[in-house]
Amino acid sequence: MTLTHSDKQPDNASLRSHIAAGEPFMLDIKAGQTVRLLDLEGNQAVDTLFYSASNPRERYDVQRTLRRQNSVYLTAGSVLYSNMGNPMLTISADTCGRHDTLGGACAQESNTVRYALNTRYMHSCRDNFLRASLHDGRLTKADISANINFFMNVPVTPEGGLTFEDGISGAGKYVELVAHMDIIILISNCPQLNNPCNGYNPTPAEILVWDQ
């Protein structure tokens, strides 16, 4: 894996916000701005969706993005495409090395199927997405689609299966993206306790924005 570092300094950021462990977060950024997602303590999955702020029905499309990249992982240089075929953001820096696009967001239903009936009512990323969306008012349940799991390690097996493994991220690792349009960022700082995607211990993350 090739790691790409950024020259941007936190002290120069126009916004710096804490994302509590296991909680949702929502933010608008403008075209040309750079956003950094920071894994504060290491091994924390940050489930993320992107939407056009001018038309929220235009959103990140995993199929178009993977087809254009010819790779199931995202890293520096990867361009995120919308369901209308437009470039939304480009990953400009990445000190983790790769990010999952296939594992999806944990939900009541998937927790029940994968783990046990008593996990149905545990906190989940899909619930986080819905909480933030309905509170904001611009997005609905129908807008919650396949997401990116930044910092999450979901290897593809030789047989074509997926496994949830210990993360490859560490404290202080980050990914930066440059926006090509005005963007709504929808985040669930993953609360999952049943697999090692968060080291069985969800922790806080941070988001920073630079105007240039």
N, C-alpha and C. Protein backbone atom coordinates (compact mmCIF):
# COMPACT_ATOMS: atom_id res chain seq x y z
N MET A 1 0.83 -1.19 0.00
CA MET A 1 0.00 0.00 0.00
C MET A 1 0.87 1.26 0.00
N THR A 2 0.50 2.21 -0.83
CA THR A 2 1.21 3.48 -0.89
C THR A 2 0.47 4.51 -0.04
N LEU A 3 1.20 5.14 0.89
CA LEU A 3 0.60 6.14 1.76
C LEU A 3 0.94 7.53 1.24
N THR A 4 -0.03 8.41 1.25
CA THR A 4 0.14 9.78 0.75
C THR A 4 -0.19 10.75 1.87
N HIS A 5 0.79 11.53 2.28
CA HIS A 5 0.62 12.47 3.38
C HIS A 5 0.19 13.84 2.86
N SER A 6 -0.44 14.61 3.74
CA SER A 6 -0.93 15.94 3.41
C SER A 6 -0.02 16.99 4.05
N ASP A 7 0.06 18.18 3.41
CA ASP A 7 0.80 19.28 4.01
C ASP A 7 -0.12 20.25 4.76
N LYS A 8 -1.40 19.90 4.87
CA LYS A 8 -2.36 20.78 5.55
C LYS A 8 -2.19 20.68 7.06
N GLN A 9 -2.24 21.84 7.72
CA GLN A 9 -2.03 21.91 9.16
C GLN A 9 -3.36 22.13 9.88
N PRO A 10 -3.62 21.37 10.94
CA PRO A 10 -4.89 21.54 11.68
C PRO A 10 -5.15 22.96 12.14
N ASP A 11 -4.11 23.69 12.49
CA ASP A 11 -4.30 25.06 12.98
C ASP A 11 -4.89 25.98 11.91
N ASN A 12 -4.74 25.60 10.63
CA ASN A 12 -5.25 26.42 9.54
C ASN A 12 -6.64 26.01 9.06
N ALA A 13 -7.20 24.98 9.67
CA ALA A 13 -8.51 24.49 9.25
C ALA A 13 -9.60 25.51 9.57
N SER A 14 -10.59 25.62 8.69
CA SER A 14 -11.71 26.53 8.92
C SER A 14 -12.76 25.89 9.83
N LEU A 15 -12.71 24.58 9.95
CA LEU A 15 -13.63 23.86 10.84
C LEU A 15 -12.91 22.64 11.39
N ARG A 16 -13.14 22.38 12.66
CA ARG A 16 -12.59 21.18 13.31
C ARG A 16 -13.61 20.69 14.32
N SER A 17 -14.19 19.51 14.07
CA SER A 17 -15.27 19.01 14.92
C SER A 17 -14.98 17.60 15.40
N HIS A 18 -15.42 17.33 16.60
CA HIS A 18 -15.31 16.03 17.24
C HIS A 18 -16.54 15.19 16.87
N ILE A 19 -16.33 13.93 16.55
CA ILE A 19 -17.43 13.00 16.28
C ILE A 19 -17.40 11.95 17.38
N ALA A 20 -18.40 11.96 18.24
CA ALA A 20 -18.41 11.07 19.39
C ALA A 20 -18.47 9.61 18.96
N ALA A 21 -17.93 8.75 19.80
CA ALA A 21 -17.95 7.31 19.53
C ALA A 21 -19.38 6.82 19.35
N GLY A 22 -19.60 6.09 18.24
CA GLY A 22 -20.89 5.47 18.01
C GLY A 22 -22.00 6.39 17.57
N GLU A 23 -21.70 7.65 17.23
CA GLU A 23 -22.73 8.64 16.97
C GLU A 23 -22.73 9.10 15.51
N PRO A 24 -23.86 9.71 15.05
CA PRO A 24 -23.93 10.27 13.69
C PRO A 24 -23.37 11.68 13.64
N PHE A 25 -23.10 12.12 12.41
CA PHE A 25 -22.60 13.47 12.18
C PHE A 25 -22.97 13.86 10.76
N MET A 26 -23.29 15.13 10.56
CA MET A 26 -23.67 15.61 9.23
C MET A 26 -23.07 16.98 9.01
N LEU A 27 -22.57 17.21 7.79
CA LEU A 27 -21.86 18.46 7.49
C LEU A 27 -21.98 18.78 6.01
N ASP A 28 -22.09 20.07 5.68
CA ASP A 28 -22.03 20.53 4.29
C ASP A 28 -20.65 21.12 4.03
N ILE A 29 -20.07 20.81 2.86
CA ILE A 29 -18.85 21.46 2.43
C ILE A 29 -19.06 21.99 1.01
N LYS A 30 -18.23 22.97 0.64
CA LYS A 30 -18.34 23.62 -0.66
C LYS A 30 -17.35 23.02 -1.66
N ALA A 31 -17.66 23.16 -2.93
CA ALA A 31 -16.74 22.75 -3.98
C ALA A 31 -15.39 23.45 -3.77
N GLY A 32 -14.31 22.68 -3.87
CA GLY A 32 -12.97 23.22 -3.68
C GLY A 32 -12.44 23.06 -2.28
N GLN A 33 -13.31 22.81 -1.31
CA GLN A 33 -12.84 22.59 0.05
C GLN A 33 -12.27 21.17 0.21
N THR A 34 -11.40 21.03 1.19
CA THR A 34 -10.81 19.73 1.52
C THR A 34 -11.30 19.31 2.89
N VAL A 35 -11.72 18.05 3.00
CA VAL A 35 -12.18 17.51 4.27
C VAL A 35 -11.27 16.36 4.70
N ARG A 36 -10.92 16.34 5.96
CA ARG A 36 -10.10 15.25 6.52
C ARG A 36 -10.91 14.49 7.57
N LEU A 37 -10.94 13.16 7.44
CA LEU A 37 -11.48 12.29 8.47
C LEU A 37 -10.30 11.70 9.22
N LEU A 38 -10.29 11.87 10.53
CA LEU A 38 -9.15 11.51 11.36
C LEU A 38 -9.55 10.42 12.36
N ASP A 39 -8.83 9.31 12.31
CA ASP A 39 -9.02 8.21 13.25
C ASP A 39 -8.20 8.52 14.51
N LEU A 40 -8.85 9.01 15.54
CA LEU A 40 -8.12 9.55 16.69
C LEU A 40 -7.37 8.49 17.47
N GLU A 41 -8.01 7.36 17.74
CA GLU A 41 -7.40 6.36 18.61
C GLU A 41 -7.01 5.08 17.88
N GLY A 42 -7.39 4.96 16.61
CA GLY A 42 -7.01 3.81 15.81
C GLY A 42 -8.08 2.73 15.77
N ASN A 43 -8.15 2.05 14.60
CA ASN A 43 -9.05 0.91 14.42
C ASN A 43 -10.52 1.29 14.57
N GLN A 44 -10.90 2.50 14.09
CA GLN A 44 -12.28 2.95 14.16
C GLN A 44 -12.86 3.12 12.76
N ALA A 45 -13.89 2.35 12.43
CA ALA A 45 -14.55 2.49 11.14
C ALA A 45 -15.44 3.74 11.13
N VAL A 46 -15.35 4.52 10.05
CA VAL A 46 -16.16 5.72 9.89
C VAL A 46 -17.00 5.53 8.62
N ASP A 47 -18.25 5.10 8.82
CA ASP A 47 -19.16 4.85 7.70
C ASP A 47 -19.63 6.19 7.14
N THR A 48 -19.52 6.37 5.81
CA THR A 48 -19.75 7.70 5.23
C THR A 48 -20.52 7.61 3.91
N LEU A 49 -21.43 8.57 3.74
CA LEU A 49 -22.16 8.75 2.50
C LEU A 49 -22.01 10.20 2.04
N PHE A 50 -22.07 10.40 0.72
CA PHE A 50 -21.92 11.74 0.14
C PHE A 50 -23.10 12.02 -0.79
N TYR A 51 -23.60 13.28 -0.73
CA TYR A 51 -24.72 13.71 -1.56
C TYR A 51 -24.42 15.08 -2.15
N SER A 52 -24.99 15.35 -3.32
CA SER A 52 -24.93 16.70 -3.88
C SER A 52 -25.82 17.60 -3.05
N ALA A 53 -25.27 18.71 -2.57
CA ALA A 53 -26.06 19.64 -1.76
C ALA A 53 -27.14 20.33 -2.59
N SER A 54 -26.92 20.51 -3.89
CA SER A 54 -27.91 21.18 -4.74
C SER A 54 -29.03 20.24 -5.17
N ASN A 55 -28.75 18.94 -5.18
CA ASN A 55 -29.75 17.93 -5.53
C ASN A 55 -29.42 16.66 -4.78
N PRO A 56 -29.94 16.48 -3.56
CA PRO A 56 -29.57 15.32 -2.75
C PRO A 56 -29.94 13.96 -3.35
N ARG A 57 -30.75 13.96 -4.41
CA ARG A 57 -31.01 12.68 -5.08
C ARG A 57 -29.78 12.19 -5.84
N GLU A 58 -28.84 13.11 -6.08
CA GLU A 58 -27.55 12.72 -6.66
C GLU A 58 -26.62 12.35 -5.51
N ARG A 59 -26.12 11.13 -5.51
CA ARG A 59 -25.35 10.63 -4.37
C ARG A 59 -24.22 9.71 -4.81
N TYR A 60 -23.33 9.48 -3.89
CA TYR A 60 -22.21 8.55 -4.13
C TYR A 60 -22.74 7.22 -4.63
N ASP A 61 -22.09 6.71 -5.67
CA ASP A 61 -22.48 5.44 -6.30
C ASP A 61 -21.29 4.49 -6.27
N VAL A 62 -21.40 3.45 -5.46
CA VAL A 62 -20.28 2.52 -5.31
C VAL A 62 -19.99 1.79 -6.61
N GLN A 63 -20.99 1.42 -7.37
CA GLN A 63 -20.76 0.65 -8.60
C GLN A 63 -20.00 1.46 -9.65
N ARG A 64 -20.45 2.68 -9.89
CA ARG A 64 -19.75 3.54 -10.86
C ARG A 64 -18.32 3.81 -10.38
N THR A 65 -18.17 4.05 -9.07
CA THR A 65 -16.85 4.39 -8.53
C THR A 65 -15.89 3.22 -8.70
N LEU A 66 -16.31 2.01 -8.34
CA LEU A 66 -15.41 0.86 -8.43
C LEU A 66 -15.10 0.53 -9.88
N ARG A 67 -16.08 0.67 -10.75
CA ARG A 67 -15.85 0.39 -12.16
C ARG A 67 -14.83 1.35 -12.75
N ARG A 68 -14.91 2.62 -12.37
CA ARG A 68 -13.96 3.62 -12.88
C ARG A 68 -12.56 3.39 -12.29
N GLN A 69 -12.48 2.98 -11.01
CA GLN A 69 -11.17 2.79 -10.36
C GLN A 69 -10.55 1.44 -10.72
N ASN A 70 -11.42 0.47 -11.15
CA ASN A 70 -10.98 -0.90 -11.39
C ASN A 70 -10.34 -1.50 -10.13
N SER A 71 -10.95 -1.18 -8.98
CA SER A 71 -10.44 -1.67 -7.70
C SER A 71 -11.58 -1.64 -6.69
N VAL A 72 -11.58 -2.63 -5.76
CA VAL A 72 -12.62 -2.64 -4.72
C VAL A 72 -12.23 -1.80 -3.52
N TYR A 73 -10.99 -1.32 -3.47
CA TYR A 73 -10.55 -0.48 -2.36
C TYR A 73 -10.33 0.95 -2.86
N LEU A 74 -10.50 1.90 -1.95
CA LEU A 74 -10.24 3.30 -2.26
C LEU A 74 -9.00 3.77 -1.52
N THR A 75 -8.23 4.65 -2.17
CA THR A 75 -7.04 5.22 -1.56
C THR A 75 -6.71 6.52 -2.29
N ALA A 76 -5.56 7.11 -2.01
CA ALA A 76 -5.18 8.37 -2.65
C ALA A 76 -5.25 8.25 -4.17
N GLY A 77 -5.89 9.24 -4.79
CA GLY A 77 -6.08 9.24 -6.23
C GLY A 77 -7.43 8.72 -6.67
N SER A 78 -8.13 8.00 -5.81
CA SER A 78 -9.45 7.49 -6.16
C SER A 78 -10.45 8.64 -6.28
N VAL A 79 -11.28 8.56 -7.31
CA VAL A 79 -12.34 9.55 -7.53
C VAL A 79 -13.67 8.90 -7.19
N LEU A 80 -14.48 9.59 -6.39
CA LEU A 80 -15.80 9.09 -6.02
C LEU A 80 -16.83 9.67 -6.97
N TYR A 81 -17.57 8.79 -7.66
CA TYR A 81 -18.55 9.21 -8.66
C TYR A 81 -19.97 9.10 -8.12
N SER A 82 -20.85 9.92 -8.67
CA SER A 82 -22.25 9.91 -8.27
C SER A 82 -23.06 8.95 -9.14
N ASN A 83 -24.31 8.73 -8.75
CA ASN A 83 -25.22 7.90 -9.54
C ASN A 83 -25.60 8.57 -10.86
N MET A 84 -25.19 9.82 -11.06
CA MET A 84 -25.40 10.50 -12.34
C MET A 84 -24.11 10.59 -13.15
N GLY A 85 -23.07 9.91 -12.66
CA GLY A 85 -21.82 9.83 -13.40
C GLY A 85 -20.89 11.00 -13.23
N ASN A 86 -21.16 11.86 -12.26
CA ASN A 86 -20.33 13.05 -12.04
C ASN A 86 -19.31 12.80 -10.93
N PRO A 87 -18.08 13.31 -11.10
CA PRO A 87 -17.11 13.21 -10.00
C PRO A 87 -17.55 14.08 -8.82
N MET A 88 -17.57 13.49 -7.64
CA MET A 88 -18.00 14.21 -6.44
C MET A 88 -16.82 14.67 -5.60
N LEU A 89 -15.90 13.76 -5.34
CA LEU A 89 -14.73 14.06 -4.53
C LEU A 89 -13.56 13.20 -5.02
N THR A 90 -12.35 13.67 -4.75
CA THR A 90 -11.14 12.89 -5.01
C THR A 90 -10.37 12.75 -3.70
N ILE A 91 -9.90 11.53 -3.43
CA ILE A 91 -9.06 11.32 -2.25
C ILE A 91 -7.68 11.87 -2.56
N SER A 92 -7.29 12.91 -1.83
CA SER A 92 -6.03 13.61 -2.11
C SER A 92 -4.89 13.19 -1.19
N ALA A 93 -5.22 12.62 -0.04
CA ALA A 93 -4.20 12.14 0.89
C ALA A 93 -4.78 10.97 1.68
N ASP A 94 -3.91 10.02 2.04
CA ASP A 94 -4.38 8.84 2.75
C ASP A 94 -3.21 8.20 3.48
N THR A 95 -3.24 8.20 4.81
CA THR A 95 -2.16 7.59 5.58
C THR A 95 -2.57 6.25 6.16
N CYS A 96 -3.75 5.76 5.77
CA CYS A 96 -4.19 4.42 6.17
C CYS A 96 -3.82 3.40 5.10
N GLY A 97 -4.12 3.71 3.83
CA GLY A 97 -3.69 2.85 2.74
C GLY A 97 -4.80 2.29 1.90
N ARG A 98 -5.93 1.97 2.51
CA ARG A 98 -7.07 1.50 1.72
C ARG A 98 -8.32 1.57 2.59
N HIS A 99 -9.48 1.66 1.92
CA HIS A 99 -10.75 1.82 2.62
C HIS A 99 -11.80 0.94 1.96
N ASP A 100 -12.68 0.37 2.77
CA ASP A 100 -13.65 -0.62 2.31
C ASP A 100 -14.84 0.02 1.61
N THR A 101 -15.30 -0.64 0.54
CA THR A 101 -16.48 -0.19 -0.20
C THR A 101 -17.57 -1.25 -0.25
N LEU A 102 -17.32 -2.44 0.32
CA LEU A 102 -18.23 -3.56 0.13
C LEU A 102 -18.95 -4.01 1.40
N GLY A 103 -18.39 -3.72 2.56
CA GLY A 103 -18.93 -4.26 3.81
C GLY A 103 -20.27 -3.68 4.23
N GLY A 104 -20.61 -2.49 3.71
CA GLY A 104 -21.88 -1.88 4.03
C GLY A 104 -21.97 -1.36 5.45
N ALA A 105 -23.15 -0.93 5.83
CA ALA A 105 -23.40 -0.38 7.15
C ALA A 105 -24.12 -1.41 8.01
N CYS A 106 -23.70 -1.52 9.26
CA CYS A 106 -24.41 -2.43 10.17
C CYS A 106 -25.83 -1.91 10.40
N ALA A 107 -26.75 -2.84 10.64
CA ALA A 107 -28.16 -2.51 10.82
C ALA A 107 -28.79 -3.52 11.77
N GLN A 108 -29.98 -3.20 12.24
CA GLN A 108 -30.70 -4.15 13.09
C GLN A 108 -30.79 -5.52 12.42
N GLU A 109 -31.16 -5.50 11.14
CA GLU A 109 -31.40 -6.76 10.44
C GLU A 109 -30.12 -7.56 10.26
N SER A 110 -29.05 -6.88 9.82
CA SER A 110 -27.80 -7.62 9.59
C SER A 110 -27.18 -8.09 10.90
N ASN A 111 -27.31 -7.29 11.96
CA ASN A 111 -26.81 -7.74 13.26
C ASN A 111 -27.51 -9.02 13.70
N THR A 112 -28.82 -9.09 13.48
CA THR A 112 -29.59 -10.27 13.88
C THR A 112 -29.17 -11.49 13.08
N VAL A 113 -29.00 -11.32 11.76
CA VAL A 113 -28.63 -12.44 10.90
C VAL A 113 -27.22 -12.92 11.18
N ARG A 114 -26.30 -11.99 11.36
CA ARG A 114 -24.89 -12.37 11.51
C ARG A 114 -24.53 -12.86 12.91
N TYR A 115 -25.20 -12.32 13.93
CA TYR A 115 -24.72 -12.54 15.29
C TYR A 115 -25.75 -13.28 16.16
N ALA A 116 -26.80 -12.62 16.61
CA ALA A 116 -27.79 -13.26 17.47
C ALA A 116 -29.05 -12.40 17.53
N LEU A 117 -30.14 -13.01 17.91
CA LEU A 117 -31.41 -12.27 17.98
C LEU A 117 -31.33 -11.11 18.95
N ASN A 118 -30.57 -11.28 20.03
CA ASN A 118 -30.53 -10.21 21.04
C ASN A 118 -29.69 -9.01 20.63
N THR A 119 -29.07 -9.06 19.44
CA THR A 119 -28.33 -7.89 18.95
C THR A 119 -29.21 -6.95 18.13
N ARG A 120 -30.45 -7.35 17.90
CA ARG A 120 -31.33 -6.56 17.02
C ARG A 120 -31.45 -5.11 17.46
N TYR A 121 -31.48 -4.86 18.75
CA TYR A 121 -31.73 -3.50 19.23
C TYR A 121 -30.46 -2.77 19.64
N MET A 122 -29.32 -3.31 19.21
CA MET A 122 -28.07 -2.59 19.46
C MET A 122 -27.95 -1.42 18.49
N HIS A 123 -27.24 -0.40 18.91
CA HIS A 123 -26.97 0.78 18.11
C HIS A 123 -26.32 0.36 16.79
N SER A 124 -26.73 0.97 15.66
CA SER A 124 -26.19 0.57 14.36
C SER A 124 -25.97 1.79 13.47
N CYS A 125 -25.17 1.58 12.43
CA CYS A 125 -24.87 2.68 11.49
C CYS A 125 -26.10 3.10 10.70
N ARG A 126 -26.90 2.14 10.30
CA ARG A 126 -28.11 2.53 9.54
C ARG A 126 -29.02 3.40 10.39
N ASP A 127 -29.17 3.06 11.67
CA ASP A 127 -29.96 3.91 12.56
C ASP A 127 -29.34 5.30 12.67
N ASN A 128 -28.02 5.37 12.76
CA ASN A 128 -27.35 6.67 12.81
C ASN A 128 -27.62 7.49 11.56
N PHE A 129 -27.51 6.86 10.38
CA PHE A 129 -27.79 7.57 9.14
C PHE A 129 -29.22 8.12 9.14
N LEU A 130 -30.16 7.30 9.59
CA LEU A 130 -31.56 7.73 9.61
C LEU A 130 -31.79 8.85 10.60
N ARG A 131 -31.20 8.76 11.77
CA ARG A 131 -31.36 9.81 12.79
C ARG A 131 -30.90 11.16 12.25
N ALA A 132 -29.69 11.17 11.68
CA ALA A 132 -29.15 12.44 11.17
C ALA A 132 -29.96 12.96 9.99
N SER A 133 -30.36 12.06 9.09
CA SER A 133 -31.10 12.47 7.89
C SER A 133 -32.46 13.05 8.23
N LEU A 134 -33.19 12.37 9.08
CA LEU A 134 -34.54 12.83 9.40
C LEU A 134 -34.51 14.12 10.20
N HIS A 135 -33.49 14.29 11.03
CA HIS A 135 -33.36 15.53 11.78
C HIS A 135 -33.06 16.70 10.85
N ASP A 136 -32.22 16.46 9.83
CA ASP A 136 -31.84 17.52 8.90
C ASP A 136 -32.98 17.87 7.95
N GLY A 137 -33.69 16.84 7.46
CA GLY A 137 -34.86 17.07 6.63
C GLY A 137 -34.64 16.98 5.13
N ARG A 138 -33.40 16.98 4.66
CA ARG A 138 -33.17 16.95 3.21
C ARG A 138 -33.09 15.52 2.66
N LEU A 139 -32.81 14.57 3.51
CA LEU A 139 -32.66 13.18 3.10
C LEU A 139 -33.74 12.34 3.75
N THR A 140 -34.10 11.25 3.07
CA THR A 140 -35.09 10.32 3.60
C THR A 140 -34.48 8.92 3.66
N LYS A 141 -35.26 7.99 4.17
CA LYS A 141 -34.82 6.60 4.26
C LYS A 141 -34.41 6.07 2.89
N ALA A 142 -35.10 6.50 1.84
CA ALA A 142 -34.80 6.02 0.49
C ALA A 142 -33.43 6.48 -0.01
N ASP A 143 -32.86 7.50 0.62
CA ASP A 143 -31.56 8.02 0.19
C ASP A 143 -30.38 7.28 0.82
N ILE A 144 -30.63 6.39 1.76
CA ILE A 144 -29.55 5.66 2.41
C ILE A 144 -29.15 4.50 1.52
N SER A 145 -27.97 4.59 0.95
CA SER A 145 -27.51 3.60 -0.02
C SER A 145 -26.17 3.01 0.44
N ALA A 146 -25.52 2.28 -0.45
CA ALA A 146 -24.24 1.64 -0.12
C ALA A 146 -23.19 2.71 0.22
N ASN A 147 -22.51 2.54 1.33
CA ASN A 147 -21.59 3.56 1.85
C ASN A 147 -20.14 3.13 1.75
N ILE A 148 -19.26 4.08 2.05
CA ILE A 148 -17.82 3.81 2.21
C ILE A 148 -17.56 3.60 3.70
N ASN A 149 -16.72 2.61 4.01
CA ASN A 149 -16.27 2.40 5.39
C ASN A 149 -14.80 2.84 5.48
N PHE A 150 -14.59 4.10 5.78
CA PHE A 150 -13.22 4.58 5.91
C PHE A 150 -12.55 3.89 7.10
N PHE A 151 -11.30 3.50 6.90
CA PHE A 151 -10.43 2.86 7.90
C PHE A 151 -10.83 1.40 8.21
N MET A 152 -11.82 0.86 7.55
CA MET A 152 -12.30 -0.50 7.86
C MET A 152 -11.62 -1.52 6.96
N ASN A 153 -11.32 -2.68 7.53
CA ASN A 153 -10.60 -3.75 6.83
C ASN A 153 -11.55 -4.90 6.54
N VAL A 154 -11.98 -5.01 5.28
CA VAL A 154 -12.86 -6.10 4.84
C VAL A 154 -12.21 -6.78 3.65
N PRO A 155 -11.29 -7.72 3.90
CA PRO A 155 -10.61 -8.38 2.79
C PRO A 155 -11.56 -9.23 1.96
N VAL A 156 -11.25 -9.31 0.67
CA VAL A 156 -11.97 -10.20 -0.24
C VAL A 156 -11.18 -11.50 -0.32
N THR A 157 -11.84 -12.62 -0.02
CA THR A 157 -11.16 -13.92 -0.01
C THR A 157 -10.97 -14.43 -1.44
N PRO A 158 -10.07 -15.40 -1.63
CA PRO A 158 -9.87 -15.96 -2.98
C PRO A 158 -11.16 -16.54 -3.59
N GLU A 159 -12.09 -16.95 -2.71
CA GLU A 159 -13.36 -17.51 -3.19
C GLU A 159 -14.39 -16.43 -3.50
N GLY A 160 -14.02 -15.16 -3.24
CA GLY A 160 -14.93 -14.06 -3.51
C GLY A 160 -15.79 -13.66 -2.33
N GLY A 161 -15.52 -14.21 -1.15
CA GLY A 161 -16.26 -13.84 0.04
C GLY A 161 -15.66 -12.62 0.72
N LEU A 162 -16.35 -12.15 1.76
CA LEU A 162 -15.88 -11.00 2.54
C LEU A 162 -15.70 -11.43 3.99
N THR A 163 -14.66 -10.89 4.64
CA THR A 163 -14.45 -11.14 6.06
C THR A 163 -14.20 -9.81 6.77
N PHE A 164 -14.68 -9.71 7.99
CA PHE A 164 -14.46 -8.51 8.80
C PHE A 164 -13.26 -8.78 9.71
N GLU A 165 -12.16 -8.05 9.49
CA GLU A 165 -10.91 -8.33 10.19
C GLU A 165 -10.49 -7.12 11.02
N ASP A 166 -9.45 -7.36 11.86
CA ASP A 166 -8.87 -6.25 12.61
C ASP A 166 -8.47 -5.14 11.64
N GLY A 167 -8.64 -3.92 12.07
CA GLY A 167 -8.35 -2.78 11.21
C GLY A 167 -6.87 -2.62 10.91
N ILE A 168 -6.59 -1.93 9.82
CA ILE A 168 -5.20 -1.63 9.44
C ILE A 168 -4.88 -0.18 9.75
N SER A 169 -5.83 0.53 10.35
CA SER A 169 -5.60 1.92 10.72
C SER A 169 -4.94 1.99 12.09
N GLY A 170 -4.55 3.19 12.47
CA GLY A 170 -3.92 3.42 13.76
C GLY A 170 -4.21 4.83 14.22
N ALA A 171 -3.88 5.11 15.45
CA ALA A 171 -4.14 6.43 16.02
C ALA A 171 -3.47 7.52 15.18
N GLY A 172 -4.25 8.52 14.79
CA GLY A 172 -3.71 9.64 14.03
C GLY A 172 -3.73 9.46 12.52
N LYS A 173 -4.14 8.31 12.03
CA LYS A 173 -4.21 8.13 10.57
C LYS A 173 -5.43 8.87 10.02
N TYR A 174 -5.33 9.29 8.76
CA TYR A 174 -6.40 10.12 8.20
C TYR A 174 -6.55 9.89 6.70
N VAL A 175 -7.67 10.34 6.19
CA VAL A 175 -7.93 10.38 4.76
C VAL A 175 -8.48 11.76 4.45
N GLU A 176 -8.01 12.36 3.34
CA GLU A 176 -8.49 13.68 2.91
C GLU A 176 -9.13 13.58 1.54
N LEU A 177 -10.19 14.35 1.36
CA LEU A 177 -10.90 14.38 0.08
C LEU A 177 -11.15 15.82 -0.33
N VAL A 178 -10.98 16.09 -1.62
CA VAL A 178 -11.27 17.40 -2.20
C VAL A 178 -12.62 17.32 -2.90
N ALA A 179 -13.52 18.26 -2.60
CA ALA A 179 -14.86 18.25 -3.17
C ALA A 179 -14.88 18.90 -4.55
N HIS A 180 -15.58 18.26 -5.51
CA HIS A 180 -15.76 18.82 -6.85
C HIS A 180 -17.11 19.50 -7.02
N MET A 181 -17.96 19.38 -6.02
CA MET A 181 -19.27 20.04 -6.00
C MET A 181 -19.62 20.31 -4.55
N ASP A 182 -20.65 21.10 -4.30
CA ASP A 182 -21.12 21.28 -2.94
C ASP A 182 -21.68 19.95 -2.44
N ILE A 183 -21.25 19.53 -1.26
CA ILE A 183 -21.49 18.16 -0.79
C ILE A 183 -22.13 18.16 0.60
N ILE A 184 -23.09 17.25 0.78
CA ILE A 184 -23.57 16.87 2.11
C ILE A 184 -22.81 15.62 2.53
N ILE A 185 -22.17 15.67 3.67
CA ILE A 185 -21.46 14.50 4.20
C ILE A 185 -22.30 13.93 5.34
N LEU A 186 -22.62 12.64 5.24
CA LEU A 186 -23.40 11.94 6.27
C LEU A 186 -22.52 10.83 6.85
N ILE A 187 -22.31 10.88 8.16
CA ILE A 187 -21.36 9.97 8.82
C ILE A 187 -22.04 9.22 9.95
N SER A 188 -21.68 7.93 10.06
CA SER A 188 -21.93 7.18 11.29
C SER A 188 -20.57 6.72 11.81
N ASN A 189 -20.18 7.23 12.96
CA ASN A 189 -18.94 6.76 13.59
C ASN A 189 -19.27 5.41 14.22
N CYS A 190 -18.96 4.36 13.52
CA CYS A 190 -19.55 3.03 13.70
C CYS A 190 -19.59 2.55 15.16
N PRO A 191 -20.80 2.14 15.63
CA PRO A 191 -20.95 1.67 17.00
C PRO A 191 -20.83 0.15 17.16
N GLN A 192 -20.45 -0.56 16.09
CA GLN A 192 -20.48 -2.03 16.09
C GLN A 192 -19.62 -2.63 17.20
N LEU A 193 -20.21 -3.57 17.95
CA LEU A 193 -19.51 -4.25 19.04
C LEU A 193 -19.33 -5.75 18.79
N ASN A 194 -19.88 -6.26 17.66
CA ASN A 194 -19.92 -7.70 17.45
C ASN A 194 -18.86 -8.24 16.50
N ASN A 195 -18.07 -7.37 15.88
CA ASN A 195 -16.96 -7.84 15.05
C ASN A 195 -15.78 -6.88 15.25
N PRO A 196 -14.60 -7.25 14.76
CA PRO A 196 -13.40 -6.46 15.09
C PRO A 196 -13.20 -5.17 14.30
N CYS A 197 -14.21 -4.71 13.55
CA CYS A 197 -14.02 -3.51 12.72
C CYS A 197 -13.65 -2.30 13.56
N ASN A 198 -14.07 -2.27 14.83
CA ASN A 198 -13.71 -1.19 15.75
C ASN A 198 -12.87 -1.69 16.91
N GLY A 199 -12.30 -2.88 16.77
CA GLY A 199 -11.56 -3.46 17.87
C GLY A 199 -12.46 -3.75 19.07
N TYR A 200 -13.76 -3.96 18.79
CA TYR A 200 -14.77 -4.21 19.84
C TYR A 200 -14.86 -3.06 20.84
N ASN A 201 -14.41 -1.89 20.43
CA ASN A 201 -14.40 -0.73 21.32
C ASN A 201 -14.51 0.55 20.50
N PRO A 202 -15.74 0.98 20.14
CA PRO A 202 -15.89 2.20 19.34
C PRO A 202 -15.26 3.42 20.03
N THR A 203 -14.59 4.25 19.23
CA THR A 203 -13.87 5.41 19.77
C THR A 203 -14.20 6.66 18.94
N PRO A 204 -13.89 7.85 19.44
CA PRO A 204 -14.20 9.08 18.70
C PRO A 204 -13.37 9.23 17.42
N ALA A 205 -13.87 10.08 16.55
CA ALA A 205 -13.14 10.50 15.35
C ALA A 205 -13.19 12.02 15.29
N GLU A 206 -12.53 12.57 14.26
CA GLU A 206 -12.54 14.02 14.10
C GLU A 206 -12.67 14.34 12.62
N ILE A 207 -13.27 15.48 12.34
CA ILE A 207 -13.39 15.95 10.96
C ILE A 207 -12.88 17.38 10.89
N LEU A 208 -12.05 17.65 9.88
CA LEU A 208 -11.48 18.98 9.67
C LEU A 208 -11.77 19.41 8.23
N VAL A 209 -11.92 20.72 8.04
CA VAL A 209 -12.19 21.26 6.70
C VAL A 209 -11.24 22.44 6.46
N TRP A 210 -10.67 22.47 5.25
CA TRP A 210 -9.86 23.60 4.80
C TRP A 210 -10.53 24.22 3.58
N ASP A 211 -10.46 25.53 3.49
CA ASP A 211 -11.11 26.22 2.37
C ASP A 211 -10.31 26.10 1.08
N GLN A 212 -9.01 25.86 1.19
CA GLN A 212 -8.18 25.71 -0.01
C GLN A 212 -7.25 24.53 0.16
